[in-house]
Amino acid sequence: MTDKISIHCFISGKVQGVWFRAATQEQAKILGLTGWACNLPDGRVEVFATGEKDKLQQLFQWLQKGPEQAKVTDVTYEEGLYESHDRFSIR
């Protein structure tokens, strides 16, 4: 049986206006994860993802770099209980 959890991340740096949310959505789809990504008024991107723990770890590692145009300075996250989502969406 696989371990399914959720992670809630906040990504700081040059992460808005560089296709960060769309690239995150693509990575999540590749990894078979669901959840969402949204821009925050303070310039950060917020990501909530659910799925298998090892796949979420891969997404977390990717978030530390992001797409080519991004300049990530910090990523924080909290691990939580699994929450079911139909897909990975952009908010």
Protein backbone atom coordinates (compact mmCIF):
# COMPACT_ATOMS: atom_id res chain seq x y z
CA MET A 1 0.00 0.00 0.00
CA THR A 2 1.30 3.44 -0.91
CA ASP A 3 1.49 6.38 1.46
CA LYS A 4 -0.70 9.22 0.24
CA ILE A 5 -0.41 12.63 1.86
CA SER A 6 -0.78 16.31 1.02
CA ILE A 7 1.80 19.10 1.03
CA HIS A 8 1.12 22.82 1.27
CA CYS A 9 3.97 24.94 -0.14
CA PHE A 10 4.83 28.63 -0.40
CA ILE A 11 7.41 29.59 -3.03
CA SER A 12 9.23 32.94 -2.87
CA GLY A 13 11.40 34.78 -5.38
CA LYS A 14 10.75 35.68 -8.99
CA VAL A 15 7.87 33.24 -9.33
CA GLN A 16 5.04 35.29 -10.80
CA GLY A 17 4.90 36.20 -14.48
CA VAL A 18 7.27 33.35 -15.39
CA TRP A 19 4.71 30.56 -16.03
CA PHE A 20 5.41 29.05 -12.61
CA ARG A 21 1.84 27.86 -12.00
CA ALA A 22 1.47 26.31 -15.47
CA ALA A 23 4.85 24.57 -15.18
CA THR A 24 3.90 23.31 -11.72
CA GLN A 25 0.63 21.97 -13.13
CA GLU A 26 2.57 20.14 -15.85
CA GLN A 27 4.99 18.62 -13.31
CA ALA A 28 2.09 17.53 -11.12
CA LYS A 29 0.40 15.84 -14.08
CA ILE A 30 3.62 14.02 -14.99
CA LEU A 31 3.93 12.80 -11.39
CA GLY A 32 0.25 11.83 -11.10
CA LEU A 33 -0.51 14.41 -8.39
CA THR A 34 -3.63 16.48 -7.84
CA GLY A 35 -4.27 19.80 -6.10
CA TRP A 36 -3.79 23.43 -7.13
CA ALA A 37 -1.43 26.39 -7.51
CA CYS A 38 -2.22 30.10 -7.13
CA ASN A 39 -0.49 33.48 -7.06
CA LEU A 40 -0.54 35.37 -3.78
CA PRO A 41 -0.79 39.17 -3.48
CA ASP A 42 2.66 39.33 -1.82
CA GLY A 43 4.37 37.86 -4.93
CA ARG A 44 4.66 34.27 -3.74
CA VAL A 45 3.08 31.19 -5.30
CA GLU A 46 1.07 28.82 -3.13
CA VAL A 47 0.88 25.13 -4.04
CA PHE A 48 -1.28 22.43 -2.49
CA ALA A 49 -0.58 18.95 -3.84
CA THR A 50 -1.79 15.48 -2.93
CA GLY A 51 -0.59 12.02 -3.85
CA GLU A 52 2.08 9.46 -3.10
CA LYS A 53 4.76 10.66 -0.71
CA ASP A 54 7.68 9.88 -3.04
CA LYS A 55 6.04 11.76 -5.94
CA LEU A 56 5.36 14.75 -3.69
CA GLN A 57 9.03 14.75 -2.71
CA GLN A 58 9.92 14.93 -6.40
CA LEU A 59 7.55 17.87 -6.87
CA PHE A 60 9.02 19.61 -3.81
CA GLN A 61 12.51 19.24 -5.27
CA TRP A 62 11.29 20.67 -8.58
CA LEU A 63 9.61 23.62 -6.80
CA GLN A 64 12.99 24.62 -5.39
CA LYS A 65 14.08 25.45 -8.95
CA GLY A 66 10.86 25.95 -10.90
CA PRO A 67 10.71 26.75 -14.61
CA GLU A 68 13.72 28.22 -16.42
CA GLN A 69 12.64 31.87 -16.07
CA ALA A 70 11.98 31.62 -12.31
CA LYS A 71 14.44 32.53 -9.56
CA VAL A 72 13.30 30.69 -6.44
CA THR A 73 14.72 32.06 -3.20
CA ASP A 74 12.76 30.00 -0.65
CA VAL A 75 10.27 27.13 -0.47
CA THR A 76 8.43 26.21 2.70
CA TYR A 77 5.98 23.40 3.14
CA GLU A 78 3.82 21.61 5.61
CA GLU A 79 2.87 17.96 5.32
CA GLY A 80 -0.71 17.02 6.01
CA LEU A 81 -3.35 14.36 5.67
CA TYR A 82 -4.37 13.23 2.20
CA GLU A 83 -7.16 15.23 0.59
CA SER A 84 -8.81 14.02 -2.60
CA HIS A 85 -8.83 16.31 -5.67
CA ASP A 86 -10.01 15.49 -9.20
CA ARG A 87 -7.05 17.14 -10.94
CA PHE A 88 -4.32 19.73 -10.53
CA SER A 89 -5.73 23.17 -11.26
CA ILE A 90 -4.51 26.74 -11.50
CA ARG A 91 -6.40 29.23 -9.37
